[in-house]
Amino acid sequence: MKRWLPTRAQLRASRWLRPVAHHLEDERLWHMDRGSVARGVGIGLFFGFLVPVAQFLFAITTAIVLRANVAIAAASTLVSNPLTFPPIYWAAYKLGRFILGEPDDEAGALRIESETEALLAQQGFIEGIWASMQAAGAPLMVGLAAMAVTSAVVGFSVVWLLWRPHHAHPRDGNAPPP
């Protein structure tokens, strides 16, 4: 897993993180303990689902404030990436419509999908995504918020429940004194 996590040097060198880079010297932000890793996963998943751009920056800044593991927070934002983006946003739209009590309108969804493809071809990726988000409106935003909060709580809880503290075995010579 460490090969996927950004290093302290990589994060400090990021031009996007320049305003908060001096905070990355705090050793507590790099410890792999139950609490900081669980907070990092929760933060990363929250921003990975909620924010369509600059997730990395928001996750790291929040991890600094909440004393979470910044590398885990940054890596957890990768839950949404170019491969997962379409199914996540489709599911968020459907979930938002369900939460808002709107009837399932297959024709409306197909219209938004075709408009998005046309905009992506004409305007480029970022502009096309922004336009499709505006077209999807409230159902998409409500769905993304619900997915962000749910994934953050579930991610935090799973890490917290599955993390088992390592207790030194007496034969290791590292056992605590009696």
N, C-alpha and C. Protein backbone atom coordinates (compact mmCIF):
# COMPACT_ATOMS: atom_id res chain seq x y z
N MET A 1 0.82 -1.18 0.00
CA MET A 1 0.00 0.00 0.00
C MET A 1 0.87 1.26 0.00
N LYS A 2 2.02 1.18 0.59
CA LYS A 2 2.88 2.37 0.67
C LYS A 2 3.30 2.90 -0.69
N ARG A 3 3.35 2.03 -1.70
CA ARG A 3 3.79 2.51 -3.01
C ARG A 3 2.74 3.42 -3.64
N TRP A 4 1.48 3.34 -3.22
CA TRP A 4 0.42 4.19 -3.77
C TRP A 4 0.28 5.50 -3.01
N LEU A 5 0.83 5.55 -1.80
CA LEU A 5 0.67 6.75 -0.98
C LEU A 5 1.70 7.80 -1.37
N PRO A 6 1.29 9.06 -1.42
CA PRO A 6 2.26 10.12 -1.72
C PRO A 6 3.23 10.29 -0.54
N THR A 7 4.46 10.61 -0.85
CA THR A 7 5.45 10.83 0.21
C THR A 7 5.35 12.26 0.72
N ARG A 8 5.96 12.48 1.85
CA ARG A 8 5.99 13.83 2.43
C ARG A 8 6.65 14.80 1.47
N ALA A 9 7.73 14.38 0.84
CA ALA A 9 8.44 15.26 -0.11
C ALA A 9 7.56 15.59 -1.31
N GLN A 10 6.82 14.60 -1.82
CA GLN A 10 5.93 14.85 -2.96
C GLN A 10 4.84 15.85 -2.59
N LEU A 11 4.28 15.70 -1.40
CA LEU A 11 3.22 16.62 -0.98
C LEU A 11 3.77 18.02 -0.74
N ARG A 12 4.94 18.12 -0.12
CA ARG A 12 5.54 19.45 0.12
C ARG A 12 5.88 20.14 -1.19
N ALA A 13 6.23 19.38 -2.22
CA ALA A 13 6.62 19.95 -3.51
C ALA A 13 5.42 20.38 -4.35
N SER A 14 4.23 19.97 -3.98
CA SER A 14 3.03 20.31 -4.75
C SER A 14 2.75 21.81 -4.68
N ARG A 15 2.57 22.41 -5.84
CA ARG A 15 2.31 23.86 -5.85
C ARG A 15 0.93 24.16 -5.27
N TRP A 16 0.02 23.19 -5.35
CA TRP A 16 -1.32 23.38 -4.80
C TRP A 16 -1.31 23.42 -3.27
N LEU A 17 -0.33 22.74 -2.70
CA LEU A 17 -0.26 22.66 -1.23
C LEU A 17 0.69 23.68 -0.62
N ARG A 18 1.26 24.52 -1.43
CA ARG A 18 2.22 25.50 -0.93
C ARG A 18 1.72 26.28 0.30
N PRO A 19 0.45 26.73 0.33
CA PRO A 19 -0.01 27.49 1.50
C PRO A 19 -0.01 26.71 2.81
N VAL A 20 -0.13 25.38 2.74
CA VAL A 20 -0.18 24.58 3.97
C VAL A 20 1.02 23.66 4.11
N ALA A 21 1.98 23.75 3.20
CA ALA A 21 3.11 22.81 3.19
C ALA A 21 3.91 22.82 4.48
N HIS A 22 4.03 23.98 5.11
CA HIS A 22 4.83 24.04 6.35
C HIS A 22 4.19 23.20 7.47
N HIS A 23 2.90 22.96 7.41
CA HIS A 23 2.24 22.13 8.42
C HIS A 23 2.58 20.65 8.25
N LEU A 24 3.07 20.26 7.09
CA LEU A 24 3.35 18.85 6.82
C LEU A 24 4.56 18.33 7.59
N GLU A 25 5.26 19.20 8.29
CA GLU A 25 6.39 18.78 9.11
C GLU A 25 5.97 18.12 10.42
N ASP A 26 4.72 18.30 10.79
CA ASP A 26 4.20 17.73 12.03
C ASP A 26 4.20 16.21 11.92
N GLU A 27 4.95 15.54 12.76
CA GLU A 27 5.09 14.08 12.71
C GLU A 27 3.77 13.35 12.95
N ARG A 28 2.85 13.96 13.70
CA ARG A 28 1.58 13.30 13.99
C ARG A 28 0.76 13.08 12.73
N LEU A 29 1.04 13.84 11.68
CA LEU A 29 0.29 13.72 10.43
C LEU A 29 0.76 12.53 9.59
N TRP A 30 1.80 11.86 10.02
CA TRP A 30 2.37 10.75 9.24
C TRP A 30 2.32 9.42 9.97
N HIS A 31 1.87 9.42 11.23
CA HIS A 31 1.81 8.17 12.00
C HIS A 31 0.72 7.26 11.45
N MET A 32 1.04 5.99 11.41
CA MET A 32 0.09 4.98 10.95
C MET A 32 -0.54 4.32 12.18
N ASP A 33 -1.34 5.08 12.91
CA ASP A 33 -2.05 4.51 14.05
C ASP A 33 -3.54 4.48 13.74
N ARG A 34 -4.25 3.74 14.55
CA ARG A 34 -5.67 3.49 14.30
C ARG A 34 -6.47 4.77 14.09
N GLY A 35 -6.32 5.73 14.97
CA GLY A 35 -7.12 6.95 14.90
C GLY A 35 -6.80 7.82 13.70
N SER A 36 -5.51 8.04 13.44
CA SER A 36 -5.16 8.94 12.34
C SER A 36 -5.44 8.31 10.99
N VAL A 37 -5.29 7.00 10.87
CA VAL A 37 -5.60 6.33 9.60
C VAL A 37 -7.11 6.32 9.38
N ALA A 38 -7.89 6.03 10.41
CA ALA A 38 -9.34 6.02 10.27
C ALA A 38 -9.85 7.42 9.89
N ARG A 39 -9.32 8.45 10.54
CA ARG A 39 -9.71 9.82 10.18
C ARG A 39 -9.30 10.13 8.74
N GLY A 40 -8.11 9.70 8.35
CA GLY A 40 -7.64 9.94 6.99
C GLY A 40 -8.53 9.28 5.94
N VAL A 41 -8.94 8.05 6.19
CA VAL A 41 -9.82 7.35 5.27
C VAL A 41 -11.16 8.08 5.17
N GLY A 42 -11.72 8.43 6.32
CA GLY A 42 -13.00 9.14 6.32
C GLY A 42 -12.94 10.46 5.58
N ILE A 43 -11.90 11.24 5.83
CA ILE A 43 -11.72 12.53 5.17
C ILE A 43 -11.56 12.35 3.67
N GLY A 44 -10.69 11.43 3.28
CA GLY A 44 -10.44 11.21 1.86
C GLY A 44 -11.67 10.74 1.11
N LEU A 45 -12.43 9.82 1.69
CA LEU A 45 -13.64 9.34 1.05
C LEU A 45 -14.68 10.46 0.95
N PHE A 46 -14.79 11.25 2.01
CA PHE A 46 -15.76 12.35 1.99
C PHE A 46 -15.47 13.30 0.82
N PHE A 47 -14.25 13.78 0.72
CA PHE A 47 -13.93 14.72 -0.34
C PHE A 47 -13.83 14.03 -1.70
N GLY A 48 -13.48 12.76 -1.72
CA GLY A 48 -13.43 12.02 -2.98
C GLY A 48 -14.80 11.94 -3.64
N PHE A 49 -15.84 11.81 -2.84
CA PHE A 49 -17.19 11.76 -3.39
C PHE A 49 -17.81 13.14 -3.55
N LEU A 50 -17.55 14.04 -2.62
CA LEU A 50 -18.28 15.31 -2.60
C LEU A 50 -17.76 16.34 -3.58
N VAL A 51 -16.46 16.48 -3.67
CA VAL A 51 -15.87 17.57 -4.43
C VAL A 51 -15.35 17.04 -5.76
N PRO A 52 -15.83 17.59 -6.89
CA PRO A 52 -15.38 17.05 -8.18
C PRO A 52 -13.98 17.48 -8.60
N VAL A 53 -13.46 18.55 -8.06
CA VAL A 53 -12.11 19.01 -8.40
C VAL A 53 -11.36 19.39 -7.12
N ALA A 54 -10.05 19.28 -7.17
CA ALA A 54 -9.16 19.65 -6.06
C ALA A 54 -9.46 18.87 -4.78
N GLN A 55 -9.92 17.64 -4.93
CA GLN A 55 -10.23 16.81 -3.77
C GLN A 55 -9.00 16.64 -2.88
N PHE A 56 -7.88 16.43 -3.53
CA PHE A 56 -6.59 16.23 -2.88
C PHE A 56 -6.30 17.38 -1.91
N LEU A 57 -6.44 18.60 -2.40
CA LEU A 57 -6.15 19.80 -1.60
C LEU A 57 -7.09 19.89 -0.40
N PHE A 58 -8.38 19.70 -0.62
CA PHE A 58 -9.34 19.77 0.48
C PHE A 58 -9.09 18.67 1.51
N ALA A 59 -8.78 17.47 1.05
CA ALA A 59 -8.55 16.36 1.97
C ALA A 59 -7.30 16.59 2.81
N ILE A 60 -6.23 17.05 2.19
CA ILE A 60 -4.99 17.27 2.95
C ILE A 60 -5.15 18.41 3.94
N THR A 61 -5.80 19.48 3.52
CA THR A 61 -6.01 20.61 4.43
C THR A 61 -6.85 20.19 5.63
N THR A 62 -7.90 19.42 5.38
CA THR A 62 -8.74 18.94 6.47
C THR A 62 -7.98 17.95 7.35
N ALA A 63 -7.17 17.11 6.74
CA ALA A 63 -6.36 16.16 7.52
C ALA A 63 -5.39 16.89 8.44
N ILE A 64 -4.84 17.99 7.98
CA ILE A 64 -3.94 18.79 8.82
C ILE A 64 -4.71 19.33 10.02
N VAL A 65 -5.88 19.89 9.77
CA VAL A 65 -6.69 20.47 10.84
C VAL A 65 -7.14 19.41 11.85
N LEU A 66 -7.53 18.24 11.36
CA LEU A 66 -8.04 17.18 12.24
C LEU A 66 -6.98 16.18 12.69
N ARG A 67 -5.73 16.44 12.36
CA ARG A 67 -4.60 15.59 12.75
C ARG A 67 -4.77 14.15 12.29
N ALA A 68 -5.15 14.02 11.01
CA ALA A 68 -5.30 12.70 10.40
C ALA A 68 -4.06 12.42 9.56
N ASN A 69 -3.89 11.20 9.15
CA ASN A 69 -2.77 10.82 8.30
C ASN A 69 -2.99 11.43 6.92
N VAL A 70 -2.13 12.37 6.52
CA VAL A 70 -2.34 13.11 5.27
C VAL A 70 -2.16 12.23 4.04
N ALA A 71 -1.26 11.29 4.07
CA ALA A 71 -1.05 10.41 2.92
C ALA A 71 -2.27 9.53 2.69
N ILE A 72 -2.84 9.01 3.75
CA ILE A 72 -4.04 8.17 3.64
C ILE A 72 -5.22 9.02 3.16
N ALA A 73 -5.35 10.23 3.68
CA ALA A 73 -6.43 11.12 3.24
C ALA A 73 -6.31 11.42 1.75
N ALA A 74 -5.09 11.71 1.30
CA ALA A 74 -4.87 12.00 -0.12
C ALA A 74 -5.16 10.78 -0.98
N ALA A 75 -4.69 9.63 -0.57
CA ALA A 75 -4.89 8.41 -1.36
C ALA A 75 -6.36 8.00 -1.40
N SER A 76 -7.10 8.25 -0.33
CA SER A 76 -8.51 7.86 -0.28
C SER A 76 -9.38 8.68 -1.22
N THR A 77 -8.91 9.85 -1.63
CA THR A 77 -9.70 10.64 -2.58
C THR A 77 -9.75 9.96 -3.94
N LEU A 78 -8.85 9.02 -4.18
CA LEU A 78 -8.80 8.35 -5.47
C LEU A 78 -9.97 7.39 -5.68
N VAL A 79 -10.88 7.33 -4.74
CA VAL A 79 -12.09 6.54 -4.94
C VAL A 79 -12.83 7.06 -6.17
N SER A 80 -12.73 8.36 -6.43
CA SER A 80 -13.29 8.89 -7.68
C SER A 80 -12.13 9.27 -8.58
N ASN A 81 -12.14 8.70 -9.74
CA ASN A 81 -11.08 8.92 -10.72
C ASN A 81 -11.73 8.80 -12.10
N PRO A 82 -11.01 9.00 -13.16
CA PRO A 82 -11.66 8.93 -14.48
C PRO A 82 -12.41 7.63 -14.77
N LEU A 83 -12.00 6.53 -14.17
CA LEU A 83 -12.71 5.27 -14.40
C LEU A 83 -13.99 5.14 -13.57
N THR A 84 -13.96 5.66 -12.35
CA THR A 84 -15.12 5.52 -11.47
C THR A 84 -16.06 6.71 -11.53
N PHE A 85 -15.62 7.80 -12.12
CA PHE A 85 -16.41 9.03 -12.16
C PHE A 85 -17.81 8.81 -12.76
N PRO A 86 -17.95 8.24 -13.95
CA PRO A 86 -19.30 8.08 -14.52
C PRO A 86 -20.25 7.23 -13.66
N PRO A 87 -19.83 6.05 -13.18
CA PRO A 87 -20.78 5.29 -12.37
C PRO A 87 -21.11 5.96 -11.04
N ILE A 88 -20.15 6.65 -10.45
CA ILE A 88 -20.41 7.35 -9.19
C ILE A 88 -21.46 8.44 -9.41
N TYR A 89 -21.27 9.23 -10.45
CA TYR A 89 -22.20 10.34 -10.68
C TYR A 89 -23.57 9.84 -11.13
N TRP A 90 -23.62 8.75 -11.86
CA TRP A 90 -24.90 8.15 -12.23
C TRP A 90 -25.62 7.67 -10.97
N ALA A 91 -24.89 6.95 -10.11
CA ALA A 91 -25.49 6.44 -8.88
C ALA A 91 -25.92 7.59 -7.96
N ALA A 92 -25.12 8.64 -7.89
CA ALA A 92 -25.46 9.79 -7.07
C ALA A 92 -26.73 10.47 -7.57
N TYR A 93 -26.85 10.58 -8.89
CA TYR A 93 -28.05 11.18 -9.48
C TYR A 93 -29.28 10.35 -9.14
N LYS A 94 -29.17 9.03 -9.30
CA LYS A 94 -30.29 8.14 -8.98
C LYS A 94 -30.64 8.20 -7.49
N LEU A 95 -29.62 8.19 -6.64
CA LEU A 95 -29.83 8.27 -5.20
C LEU A 95 -30.48 9.60 -4.83
N GLY A 96 -30.01 10.68 -5.42
CA GLY A 96 -30.58 11.99 -5.15
C GLY A 96 -32.05 12.07 -5.55
N ARG A 97 -32.38 11.50 -6.70
CA ARG A 97 -33.79 11.48 -7.13
C ARG A 97 -34.63 10.68 -6.13
N PHE A 98 -34.09 9.57 -5.64
CA PHE A 98 -34.80 8.75 -4.66
C PHE A 98 -35.01 9.53 -3.36
N ILE A 99 -33.95 10.17 -2.87
CA ILE A 99 -34.03 10.93 -1.62
C ILE A 99 -35.03 12.08 -1.75
N LEU A 100 -35.02 12.75 -2.89
CA LEU A 100 -35.91 13.89 -3.10
C LEU A 100 -37.34 13.46 -3.46
N GLY A 101 -37.55 12.15 -3.65
CA GLY A 101 -38.87 11.65 -3.96
C GLY A 101 -39.31 11.91 -5.39
N GLU A 102 -38.36 12.13 -6.28
CA GLU A 102 -38.69 12.36 -7.68
C GLU A 102 -38.87 11.03 -8.39
N PRO A 103 -39.82 10.97 -9.31
CA PRO A 103 -40.01 9.71 -10.04
C PRO A 103 -38.80 9.42 -10.92
N ASP A 104 -38.57 8.13 -11.15
CA ASP A 104 -37.45 7.72 -11.98
C ASP A 104 -37.75 8.06 -13.43
N ASP A 105 -37.06 9.05 -13.96
CA ASP A 105 -37.30 9.54 -15.31
C ASP A 105 -36.15 9.09 -16.20
N GLU A 106 -36.35 7.95 -16.87
CA GLU A 106 -35.29 7.38 -17.71
C GLU A 106 -34.98 8.28 -18.90
N ALA A 107 -36.00 8.92 -19.46
CA ALA A 107 -35.78 9.81 -20.61
C ALA A 107 -34.93 11.02 -20.21
N GLY A 108 -35.19 11.55 -19.03
CA GLY A 108 -34.40 12.69 -18.54
C GLY A 108 -32.95 12.32 -18.32
N ALA A 109 -32.73 11.13 -17.78
CA ALA A 109 -31.36 10.66 -17.55
C ALA A 109 -30.62 10.46 -18.87
N LEU A 110 -31.31 9.90 -19.86
CA LEU A 110 -30.68 9.71 -21.17
C LEU A 110 -30.38 11.04 -21.84
N ARG A 111 -31.25 12.02 -21.67
CA ARG A 111 -31.02 13.35 -22.23
C ARG A 111 -29.78 13.98 -21.61
N ILE A 112 -29.67 13.90 -20.28
CA ILE A 112 -28.50 14.46 -19.60
C ILE A 112 -27.23 13.76 -20.06
N GLU A 113 -27.30 12.43 -20.21
CA GLU A 113 -26.13 11.67 -20.66
C GLU A 113 -25.69 12.09 -22.06
N SER A 114 -26.65 12.24 -22.97
CA SER A 114 -26.28 12.64 -24.34
C SER A 114 -25.78 14.08 -24.38
N GLU A 115 -26.36 14.96 -23.57
CA GLU A 115 -25.88 16.34 -23.50
C GLU A 115 -24.46 16.38 -22.95
N THR A 116 -24.19 15.57 -21.96
CA THR A 116 -22.85 15.52 -21.37
C THR A 116 -21.82 15.06 -22.40
N GLU A 117 -22.15 14.02 -23.14
CA GLU A 117 -21.22 13.54 -24.16
C GLU A 117 -20.95 14.60 -25.21
N ALA A 118 -21.99 15.32 -25.62
CA ALA A 118 -21.82 16.39 -26.61
C ALA A 118 -20.97 17.52 -26.06
N LEU A 119 -21.22 17.88 -24.80
CA LEU A 119 -20.43 18.96 -24.19
C LEU A 119 -18.98 18.56 -24.00
N LEU A 120 -18.75 17.30 -23.63
CA LEU A 120 -17.37 16.82 -23.47
C LEU A 120 -16.62 16.92 -24.79
N ALA A 121 -17.31 16.59 -25.88
CA ALA A 121 -16.67 16.65 -27.20
C ALA A 121 -16.41 18.09 -27.63
N GLN A 122 -17.31 19.00 -27.29
CA GLN A 122 -17.19 20.39 -27.72
C GLN A 122 -16.28 21.22 -26.82
N GLN A 123 -16.48 21.12 -25.52
CA GLN A 123 -15.86 22.06 -24.59
C GLN A 123 -14.65 21.53 -23.86
N GLY A 124 -14.49 20.27 -23.75
CA GLY A 124 -13.41 19.71 -22.96
C GLY A 124 -13.96 19.09 -21.70
N PHE A 125 -13.11 18.39 -21.00
CA PHE A 125 -13.53 17.58 -19.86
C PHE A 125 -14.13 18.41 -18.72
N ILE A 126 -13.40 19.38 -18.21
CA ILE A 126 -13.85 20.14 -17.04
C ILE A 126 -15.14 20.90 -17.35
N GLU A 127 -15.17 21.59 -18.46
CA GLU A 127 -16.36 22.36 -18.81
C GLU A 127 -17.57 21.45 -19.03
N GLY A 128 -17.33 20.30 -19.67
CA GLY A 128 -18.41 19.35 -19.90
C GLY A 128 -18.96 18.77 -18.62
N ILE A 129 -18.07 18.44 -17.70
CA ILE A 129 -18.51 17.90 -16.40
C ILE A 129 -19.31 18.95 -15.65
N TRP A 130 -18.82 20.18 -15.64
CA TRP A 130 -19.52 21.26 -14.94
C TRP A 130 -20.91 21.46 -15.53
N ALA A 131 -21.01 21.48 -16.85
CA ALA A 131 -22.30 21.66 -17.50
C ALA A 131 -23.25 20.50 -17.18
N SER A 132 -22.73 19.27 -17.15
CA SER A 132 -23.59 18.13 -16.86
C SER A 132 -24.06 18.15 -15.40
N MET A 133 -23.19 18.63 -14.51
CA MET A 133 -23.59 18.75 -13.11
C MET A 133 -24.70 19.78 -12.96
N GLN A 134 -24.60 20.87 -13.70
CA GLN A 134 -25.65 21.88 -13.64
C GLN A 134 -26.96 21.33 -14.20
N ALA A 135 -26.87 20.53 -15.25
CA ALA A 135 -28.07 19.95 -15.84
C ALA A 135 -28.72 18.95 -14.89
N ALA A 136 -27.94 18.20 -14.16
CA ALA A 136 -28.47 17.21 -13.23
C ALA A 136 -29.02 17.87 -11.98
N GLY A 137 -28.45 19.00 -11.59
CA GLY A 137 -28.97 19.83 -10.52
C GLY A 137 -29.03 19.19 -9.15
N ALA A 138 -30.15 19.47 -8.49
CA ALA A 138 -30.33 19.08 -7.10
C ALA A 138 -30.20 17.58 -6.86
N PRO A 139 -30.77 16.72 -7.70
CA PRO A 139 -30.62 15.29 -7.40
C PRO A 139 -29.15 14.85 -7.34
N LEU A 140 -28.32 15.37 -8.22
CA LEU A 140 -26.91 15.01 -8.21
C LEU A 140 -26.23 15.50 -6.93
N MET A 141 -26.48 16.75 -6.57
CA MET A 141 -25.84 17.31 -5.38
C MET A 141 -26.27 16.57 -4.11
N VAL A 142 -27.56 16.29 -4.00
CA VAL A 142 -28.07 15.57 -2.82
C VAL A 142 -27.48 14.16 -2.78
N GLY A 143 -27.43 13.50 -3.92
CA GLY A 143 -26.87 12.15 -3.98
C GLY A 143 -25.39 12.13 -3.63
N LEU A 144 -24.63 13.09 -4.16
CA LEU A 144 -23.20 13.15 -3.84
C LEU A 144 -22.98 13.41 -2.35
N ALA A 145 -23.77 14.32 -1.78
CA ALA A 145 -23.63 14.60 -0.34
C ALA A 145 -23.94 13.36 0.49
N ALA A 146 -25.00 12.65 0.12
CA ALA A 146 -25.35 11.43 0.86
C ALA A 146 -24.26 10.37 0.73
N MET A 147 -23.73 10.21 -0.49
CA MET A 147 -22.65 9.23 -0.69
C MET A 147 -21.39 9.64 0.06
N ALA A 148 -21.09 10.94 0.09
CA ALA A 148 -19.89 11.42 0.77
C ALA A 148 -19.96 11.15 2.27
N VAL A 149 -21.08 11.51 2.87
CA VAL A 149 -21.23 11.31 4.32
C VAL A 149 -21.25 9.83 4.66
N THR A 150 -22.01 9.06 3.90
CA THR A 150 -22.11 7.62 4.17
C THR A 150 -20.76 6.93 4.01
N SER A 151 -20.05 7.23 2.93
CA SER A 151 -18.75 6.58 2.71
C SER A 151 -17.73 6.99 3.77
N ALA A 152 -17.79 8.24 4.21
CA ALA A 152 -16.85 8.68 5.25
C ALA A 152 -17.11 7.94 6.56
N VAL A 153 -18.37 7.83 6.93
CA VAL A 153 -18.71 7.13 8.18
C VAL A 153 -18.36 5.65 8.08
N VAL A 154 -18.71 5.03 6.97
CA VAL A 154 -18.42 3.60 6.79
C VAL A 154 -16.91 3.36 6.73
N GLY A 155 -16.19 4.18 5.97
CA GLY A 155 -14.74 4.03 5.87
C GLY A 155 -14.05 4.18 7.21
N PHE A 156 -14.42 5.22 7.95
CA PHE A 156 -13.85 5.44 9.29
C PHE A 156 -14.16 4.23 10.18
N SER A 157 -15.42 3.80 10.18
CA SER A 157 -15.84 2.70 11.06
C SER A 157 -15.15 1.39 10.73
N VAL A 158 -15.02 1.09 9.44
CA VAL A 158 -14.36 -0.16 9.04
C VAL A 158 -12.91 -0.17 9.50
N VAL A 159 -12.19 0.93 9.27
CA VAL A 159 -10.79 0.98 9.72
C VAL A 159 -10.74 0.87 11.23
N TRP A 160 -11.60 1.60 11.92
CA TRP A 160 -11.59 1.61 13.38
C TRP A 160 -11.88 0.21 13.94
N LEU A 161 -12.83 -0.49 13.35
CA LEU A 161 -13.22 -1.81 13.86
C LEU A 161 -12.23 -2.91 13.48
N LEU A 162 -11.63 -2.80 12.29
CA LEU A 162 -10.73 -3.86 11.83
C LEU A 162 -9.28 -3.68 12.29
N TRP A 163 -8.91 -2.48 12.69
CA TRP A 163 -7.53 -2.20 13.10
C TRP A 163 -7.30 -2.87 14.45
N ARG A 164 -6.34 -3.73 14.48
CA ARG A 164 -5.99 -4.41 15.72
C ARG A 164 -4.62 -3.91 16.17
N PRO A 165 -4.57 -3.33 17.37
CA PRO A 165 -3.26 -2.88 17.85
C PRO A 165 -2.29 -4.05 17.96
N HIS A 166 -1.05 -3.79 17.61
CA HIS A 166 -0.03 -4.81 17.68
C HIS A 166 0.52 -4.86 19.10
N HIS A 167 0.35 -6.02 19.73
CA HIS A 167 0.90 -6.22 21.07
C HIS A 167 2.16 -7.07 20.93
N ALA A 168 3.21 -6.62 21.57
CA ALA A 168 4.48 -7.36 21.50
C ALA A 168 4.34 -8.71 22.19
N HIS A 169 4.90 -9.68 21.56
CA HIS A 169 4.89 -11.03 22.10
C HIS A 169 6.08 -11.15 23.05
N PRO A 170 5.92 -11.84 24.20
CA PRO A 170 7.03 -11.95 25.18
C PRO A 170 8.31 -12.54 24.56
N ARG A 171 8.18 -13.40 23.55
CA ARG A 171 9.38 -13.99 22.95
C ARG A 171 10.13 -12.97 22.07
N ASP A 172 9.47 -11.90 21.67
CA ASP A 172 10.11 -10.89 20.82
C ASP A 172 11.14 -10.06 21.59
N GLY A 173 11.04 -10.11 22.89
CA GLY A 173 11.94 -9.27 23.67
C GLY A 173 11.46 -7.83 23.75
N ASN A 174 10.30 -7.55 23.18
CA ASN A 174 9.74 -6.20 23.20
C ASN A 174 8.52 -6.10 24.10
N ALA A 175 8.32 -7.07 24.91
CA ALA A 175 7.14 -7.06 25.78
C ALA A 175 7.30 -5.97 26.82
N PRO A 176 6.19 -5.34 27.20
CA PRO A 176 6.28 -4.32 28.24
C PRO A 176 6.64 -4.96 29.57
N PRO A 177 7.30 -4.21 30.41
CA PRO A 177 7.68 -4.76 31.72
C PRO A 177 6.44 -5.11 32.53
N PRO A 178 6.54 -6.14 33.38
CA PRO A 178 5.37 -6.58 34.18
C PRO A 178 4.97 -5.57 35.22
